[in-house]
């Protein structure tokens, strides 16, 4: 089962994204995010195996060195792969790319069998709204997503590690980014 390192949003943004997930579910399109126990997020890296104890120690130090930062979701997108994913696209900033590159400096020491899509230079930062969709379901999900006002802006305040199975997501570790008062 894969391990995913995720950036988490402020509470109001999480609620807004959960509203989108609920609308997609109530339309009978997909309950993948709700039923799976996911938390709204942007994934930084994915791997099949990780040395969790040593990695979380280094991740905690990494997080303590990053101040919370703003992120914006200005558009709805899809991946043209068999996974059938609809997502909120992220405005890529120098700060986000810097955090991602520095993160991978430590991730590669602890992670084995990394997913290529999430490595430096290949990453498309996004927040998944639904996955496992057919072409028809993708079109219907996009219609629903268009009813929500964009852009959505958020503060990134936390980072975590989850383990994902085909049907669920379990949080293994999370910590806050550097305190804003420091």
C-alpha atoms as a PDB file:
ATOM      1  CA  UNK A   1       0.000   0.000   0.000  1.00  0.00           C
ATOM      2  CA  UNK A   2       1.401   3.411  -0.898  1.00  0.00           C
ATOM      3  CA  UNK A   3       2.501   6.072   1.529  1.00  0.00           C
ATOM      4  CA  UNK A   4       1.680   9.694   0.714  1.00  0.00           C
ATOM      5  CA  UNK A   5       3.077  12.898   2.213  1.00  0.00           C
ATOM      6  CA  UNK A   6       0.460  15.643   2.137  1.00  0.00           C
ATOM      7  CA  UNK A   7       0.123  19.368   2.755  1.00  0.00           C
ATOM      8  CA  UNK A   8      -3.037  20.361   4.644  1.00  0.00           C
ATOM      9  CA  UNK A   9      -5.168  23.500   4.491  1.00  0.00           C
ATOM     10  CA  UNK A  10      -6.859  25.857   6.902  1.00  0.00           C
ATOM     11  CA  UNK A  11     -10.206  24.692   8.301  1.00  0.00           C
ATOM     12  CA  UNK A  12     -12.444  26.871   6.122  1.00  0.00           C
ATOM     13  CA  UNK A  13     -10.787  25.567   2.951  1.00  0.00           C
ATOM     14  CA  UNK A  14     -11.119  21.976   4.148  1.00  0.00           C
ATOM     15  CA  UNK A  15     -14.843  22.580   4.712  1.00  0.00           C
ATOM     16  CA  UNK A  16     -15.241  24.115   1.245  1.00  0.00           C
ATOM     17  CA  UNK A  17     -13.548  21.147  -0.437  1.00  0.00           C
ATOM     18  CA  UNK A  18     -15.571  18.682   1.638  1.00  0.00           C
ATOM     19  CA  UNK A  19     -18.693  20.473   0.349  1.00  0.00           C
ATOM     20  CA  UNK A  20     -17.554  19.720  -3.216  1.00  0.00           C
ATOM     21  CA  UNK A  21     -16.909  16.077  -2.273  1.00  0.00           C
ATOM     22  CA  UNK A  22     -20.407  15.887  -0.743  1.00  0.00           C
ATOM     23  CA  UNK A  23     -22.034  17.388  -3.854  1.00  0.00           C
ATOM     24  CA  UNK A  24     -20.240  14.845  -6.067  1.00  0.00           C
ATOM     25  CA  UNK A  25     -21.363  12.050  -3.736  1.00  0.00           C
ATOM     26  CA  UNK A  26     -24.975  13.266  -3.506  1.00  0.00           C
ATOM     27  CA  UNK A  27     -25.147  13.376  -7.325  1.00  0.00           C
ATOM     28  CA  UNK A  28     -24.340   9.660  -7.309  1.00  0.00           C
ATOM     29  CA  UNK A  29     -21.035  10.157  -9.123  1.00  0.00           C
ATOM     30  CA  UNK A  30     -18.425   9.174  -6.535  1.00  0.00           C
ATOM     31  CA  UNK A  31     -17.964   8.840  -2.812  1.00  0.00           C
ATOM     32  CA  UNK A  32     -14.257   7.995  -3.199  1.00  0.00           C
ATOM     33  CA  UNK A  33     -12.921  10.862  -1.094  1.00  0.00           C
ATOM     34  CA  UNK A  34     -15.561  10.783   1.644  1.00  0.00           C
ATOM     35  CA  UNK A  35     -15.770   7.022   2.083  1.00  0.00           C
ATOM     36  CA  UNK A  36     -11.989   6.642   1.871  1.00  0.00           C
ATOM     37  CA  UNK A  37     -11.505   8.872   4.905  1.00  0.00           C
ATOM     38  CA  UNK A  38      -9.348  11.349   3.029  1.00  0.00           C
ATOM     39  CA  UNK A  39      -8.567  14.843   4.208  1.00  0.00           C
ATOM     40  CA  UNK A  40      -8.362  17.667   1.634  1.00  0.00           C
ATOM     41  CA  UNK A  41      -4.707  17.974   0.658  1.00  0.00           C
ATOM     42  CA  UNK A  42      -1.973  18.479  -1.920  1.00  0.00           C
ATOM     43  CA  UNK A  43       0.369  15.494  -2.191  1.00  0.00           C
ATOM     44  CA  UNK A  44       4.109  16.212  -2.129  1.00  0.00           C
ATOM     45  CA  UNK A  45       5.339  12.667  -2.673  1.00  0.00           C
ATOM     46  CA  UNK A  46       4.155   9.078  -2.971  1.00  0.00           C
ATOM     47  CA  UNK A  47       6.099   5.845  -2.496  1.00  0.00           C
ATOM     48  CA  UNK A  48       5.448   2.166  -1.906  1.00  0.00           C
ATOM     49  CA  UNK A  49       7.809   1.742   1.063  1.00  0.00           C
ATOM     50  CA  UNK A  50       9.181   4.172   3.631  1.00  0.00           C
ATOM     51  CA  UNK A  51      11.346   4.069   6.762  1.00  0.00           C
ATOM     52  CA  UNK A  52       8.595   5.762   8.767  1.00  0.00           C
ATOM     53  CA  UNK A  53      10.333   6.403  12.108  1.00  0.00           C
ATOM     54  CA  UNK A  54      13.446   8.039  10.719  1.00  0.00           C
ATOM     55  CA  UNK A  55      11.475   9.855   8.032  1.00  0.00           C
ATOM     56  CA  UNK A  56       8.935  11.401  10.442  1.00  0.00           C
ATOM     57  CA  UNK A  57      11.769  12.645  12.657  1.00  0.00           C
ATOM     58  CA  UNK A  58      13.351  14.423   9.707  1.00  0.00           C
ATOM     59  CA  UNK A  59       9.947  15.568   8.417  1.00  0.00           C
ATOM     60  CA  UNK A  60       9.225  17.218  11.772  1.00  0.00           C
ATOM     61  CA  UNK A  61      12.475  19.189  11.541  1.00  0.00           C
ATOM     62  CA  UNK A  62      11.674  20.091   7.923  1.00  0.00           C
ATOM     63  CA  UNK A  63       8.177  21.334   8.871  1.00  0.00           C
ATOM     64  CA  UNK A  64       9.549  23.422  11.751  1.00  0.00           C
ATOM     65  CA  UNK A  65      11.641  25.330   9.188  1.00  0.00           C
ATOM     66  CA  UNK A  66       8.738  26.247   6.901  1.00  0.00           C
ATOM     67  CA  UNK A  67       6.409  29.106   7.699  1.00  0.00           C
ATOM     68  CA  UNK A  68       2.746  28.645   6.755  1.00  0.00           C
ATOM     69  CA  UNK A  69       2.143  29.929   3.223  1.00  0.00           C
ATOM     70  CA  UNK A  70      -0.707  30.820   0.846  1.00  0.00           C
ATOM     71  CA  UNK A  71      -1.897  28.589  -1.952  1.00  0.00           C
ATOM     72  CA  UNK A  72      -4.556  29.245  -4.583  1.00  0.00           C
ATOM     73  CA  UNK A  73      -6.786  26.853  -6.542  1.00  0.00           C
ATOM     74  CA  UNK A  74      -7.951  28.779  -9.634  1.00  0.00           C
ATOM     75  CA  UNK A  75      -9.177  25.961 -11.868  1.00  0.00           C
ATOM     76  CA  UNK A  76     -10.725  22.506 -12.215  1.00  0.00           C
ATOM     77  CA  UNK A  77      -8.725  19.874 -14.074  1.00  0.00           C
ATOM     78  CA  UNK A  78      -8.545  16.230 -15.043  1.00  0.00           C
ATOM     79  CA  UNK A  79      -5.695  13.819 -15.584  1.00  0.00           C
ATOM     80  CA  UNK A  80      -5.973  12.102 -18.947  1.00  0.00           C
ATOM     81  CA  UNK A  81      -5.056   8.731 -17.460  1.00  0.00           C
ATOM     82  CA  UNK A  82      -7.051   5.625 -16.639  1.00  0.00           C
ATOM     83  CA  UNK A  83      -7.448   6.727 -12.984  1.00  0.00           C
ATOM     84  CA  UNK A  84     -10.338   9.087 -13.847  1.00  0.00           C
ATOM     85  CA  UNK A  85      -9.285  11.975 -11.582  1.00  0.00           C
ATOM     86  CA  UNK A  86     -10.976  15.377 -11.276  1.00  0.00           C
ATOM     87  CA  UNK A  87      -9.023  17.925  -9.250  1.00  0.00           C
ATOM     88  CA  UNK A  88      -8.534  21.541  -8.238  1.00  0.00           C
ATOM     89  CA  UNK A  89      -5.417  22.887  -9.944  1.00  0.00           C
ATOM     90  CA  UNK A  90      -2.865  24.789  -7.864  1.00  0.00           C
ATOM     91  CA  UNK A  91      -1.191  28.027  -8.899  1.00  0.00           C
ATOM     92  CA  UNK A  92       2.470  27.074  -8.975  1.00  0.00           C
ATOM     93  CA  UNK A  93       4.659  29.567  -7.129  1.00  0.00           C
ATOM     94  CA  UNK A  94       8.395  29.721  -6.507  1.00  0.00           C
ATOM     95  CA  UNK A  95       7.708  29.116  -2.827  1.00  0.00           C
ATOM     96  CA  UNK A  96       5.670  25.961  -3.506  1.00  0.00           C
ATOM     97  CA  UNK A  97       8.325  24.601  -5.890  1.00  0.00           C
ATOM     98  CA  UNK A  98      11.031  25.374  -3.330  1.00  0.00           C
ATOM     99  CA  UNK A  99       9.144  23.541  -0.562  1.00  0.00           C
ATOM    100  CA  UNK A 100       8.595  20.590  -2.916  1.00  0.00           C
ATOM    101  CA  UNK A 101      12.277  20.419  -3.941  1.00  0.00           C
ATOM    102  CA  UNK A 102      13.528  20.697  -0.345  1.00  0.00           C
ATOM    103  CA  UNK A 103      11.016  18.045   0.727  1.00  0.00           C
ATOM    104  CA  UNK A 104      12.309  15.621  -1.909  1.00  0.00           C
ATOM    105  CA  UNK A 105      15.831  16.178  -0.596  1.00  0.00           C
ATOM    106  CA  UNK A 106      14.796  14.283   2.540  1.00  0.00           C
ATOM    107  CA  UNK A 107      12.081  12.056   1.037  1.00  0.00           C
ATOM    108  CA  UNK A 108      14.480  10.304  -1.342  1.00  0.00           C
ATOM    109  CA  UNK A 109      16.641   9.198   1.622  1.00  0.00           C
ATOM    110  CA  UNK A 110      13.757   7.293   3.243  1.00  0.00           C
ATOM    111  CA  UNK A 111      11.339   6.346   0.436  1.00  0.00           C
ATOM    112  CA  UNK A 112      11.612   3.443  -1.955  1.00  0.00           C
ATOM    113  CA  UNK A 113       9.690   3.010  -5.194  1.00  0.00           C
ATOM    114  CA  UNK A 114       8.663   6.649  -5.499  1.00  0.00           C
ATOM    115  CA  UNK A 115       5.834   7.509  -7.877  1.00  0.00           C
ATOM    116  CA  UNK A 116       7.313   9.380 -10.842  1.00  0.00           C
ATOM    117  CA  UNK A 117       4.375  11.828 -11.125  1.00  0.00           C
ATOM    118  CA  UNK A 118       5.344  13.430  -7.802  1.00  0.00           C
ATOM    119  CA  UNK A 119       9.093  13.855  -8.297  1.00  0.00           C
ATOM    120  CA  UNK A 120      10.791  17.201  -8.869  1.00  0.00           C
ATOM    121  CA  UNK A 121      10.241  18.302 -12.454  1.00  0.00           C
ATOM    122  CA  UNK A 122       7.278  15.952 -13.020  1.00  0.00           C
ATOM    123  CA  UNK A 123       4.868  17.114 -10.312  1.00  0.00           C
ATOM    124  CA  UNK A 124       1.478  18.638 -11.045  1.00  0.00           C
ATOM    125  CA  UNK A 125       0.296  20.015  -7.697  1.00  0.00           C
ATOM    126  CA  UNK A 126      -3.431  19.468  -7.233  1.00  0.00           C
ATOM    127  CA  UNK A 127      -6.206  18.711  -4.756  1.00  0.00           C
ATOM    128  CA  UNK A 128      -8.177  15.615  -5.750  1.00  0.00           C
ATOM    129  CA  UNK A 129     -11.961  16.007  -5.813  1.00  0.00           C
ATOM    130  CA  UNK A 130     -12.826  12.490  -7.075  1.00  0.00           C
ATOM    131  CA  UNK A 131     -11.083   9.512  -8.633  1.00  0.00           C
ATOM    132  CA  UNK A 132     -12.012   6.242 -10.291  1.00  0.00           C
ATOM    133  CA  UNK A 133     -14.415   8.028 -12.643  1.00  0.00           C
ATOM    134  CA  UNK A 134     -15.589   6.998 -16.098  1.00  0.00           C
ATOM    135  CA  UNK A 135     -15.538   9.578 -18.908  1.00  0.00           C
ATOM    136  CA  UNK A 136     -19.236  10.279 -18.330  1.00  0.00           C
ATOM    137  CA  UNK A 137     -18.699  10.652 -14.567  1.00  0.00           C
ATOM    138  CA  UNK A 138     -15.786  13.042 -15.184  1.00  0.00           C
ATOM    139  CA  UNK A 139     -18.064  15.288 -17.250  1.00  0.00           C
ATOM    140  CA  UNK A 140     -20.789  15.186 -14.580  1.00  0.00           C
ATOM    141  CA  UNK A 141     -18.316  15.879 -11.763  1.00  0.00           C
ATOM    142  CA  UNK A 142     -16.969  18.905 -13.637  1.00  0.00           C
ATOM    143  CA  UNK A 143     -20.504  20.272 -14.015  1.00  0.00           C
ATOM    144  CA  UNK A 144     -20.939  20.051 -10.249  1.00  0.00           C
ATOM    145  CA  UNK A 145     -17.523  21.548  -9.502  1.00  0.00           C
ATOM    146  CA  UNK A 146     -18.274  24.550 -11.715  1.00  0.00           C
ATOM    147  CA  UNK A 147     -21.059  25.503  -9.287  1.00  0.00           C
ATOM    148  CA  UNK A 148     -18.459  26.348  -6.639  1.00  0.00           C
ATOM    149  CA  UNK A 149     -16.710  29.722  -6.693  1.00  0.00           C
ATOM    150  CA  UNK A 150     -13.081  29.791  -7.746  1.00  0.00           C
ATOM    151  CA  UNK A 151     -10.408  30.692  -7.002  1.00  0.00           C
ATOM    152  CA  UNK A 152     -10.159  29.187  -3.549  1.00  0.00           C
ATOM    153  CA  UNK A 153      -7.242  30.459  -1.470  1.00  0.00           C
ATOM    154  CA  UNK A 154      -5.882  28.740   1.585  1.00  0.00           C
ATOM    155  CA  UNK A 155      -3.095  28.742   4.115  1.00  0.00           C
ATOM    156  CA  UNK A 156      -0.890  25.652   4.209  1.00  0.00           C
ATOM    157  CA  UNK A 157      -0.354  24.974   7.896  1.00  0.00           C
ATOM    158  CA  UNK A 158       0.359  21.277   8.326  1.00  0.00           C
ATOM    159  CA  UNK A 159       2.091  18.303   6.740  1.00  0.00           C
ATOM    160  CA  UNK A 160       1.279  14.631   7.234  1.00  0.00           C
ATOM    161  CA  UNK A 161       1.955  11.064   6.160  1.00  0.00           C
ATOM    162  CA  UNK A 162      -0.860   8.689   5.263  1.00  0.00           C
ATOM    163  CA  UNK A 163      -1.062   5.094   4.106  1.00  0.00           C
ATOM    164  CA  UNK A 164      -3.537   4.505   1.308  1.00  0.00           C
ATOM    165  CA  UNK A 165      -5.303   1.275   0.387  1.00  0.00           C
ATOM    166  CA  UNK A 166      -7.668   0.860  -2.565  1.00  0.00           C
ATOM    167  CA  UNK A 167     -10.585   1.799  -0.288  1.00  0.00           C
ATOM    168  CA  UNK A 168      -9.231   3.918   2.561  1.00  0.00           C
ATOM    169  CA  UNK A 169      -6.679   6.369   3.878  1.00  0.00           C
ATOM    170  CA  UNK A 170      -5.097   6.181   7.344  1.00  0.00           C
ATOM    171  CA  UNK A 171      -3.120   9.051   8.905  1.00  0.00           C
ATOM    172  CA  UNK A 172       0.185   7.814  10.333  1.00  0.00           C
ATOM    173  CA  UNK A 173       1.779  11.135  11.300  1.00  0.00           C
ATOM    174  CA  UNK A 174       1.142  14.875  11.081  1.00  0.00           C
ATOM    175  CA  UNK A 175       2.749  18.053  12.371  1.00  0.00           C
ATOM    176  CA  UNK A 176       2.270  21.794  12.045  1.00  0.00           C
ATOM    177  CA  UNK A 177       4.499  24.027   9.997  1.00  0.00           C
ATOM    178  CA  UNK A 178       6.613  26.598  11.858  1.00  0.00           C
ATOM    179  CA  UNK A 179       4.602  28.633  14.325  1.00  0.00           C
ATOM    180  CA  UNK A 180       3.595  32.009  12.914  1.00  0.00           C
ATOM    181  CA  UNK A 181       4.689  33.612  16.219  1.00  0.00           C
ATOM    182  CA  UNK A 182       8.316  32.551  15.849  1.00  0.00           C
END
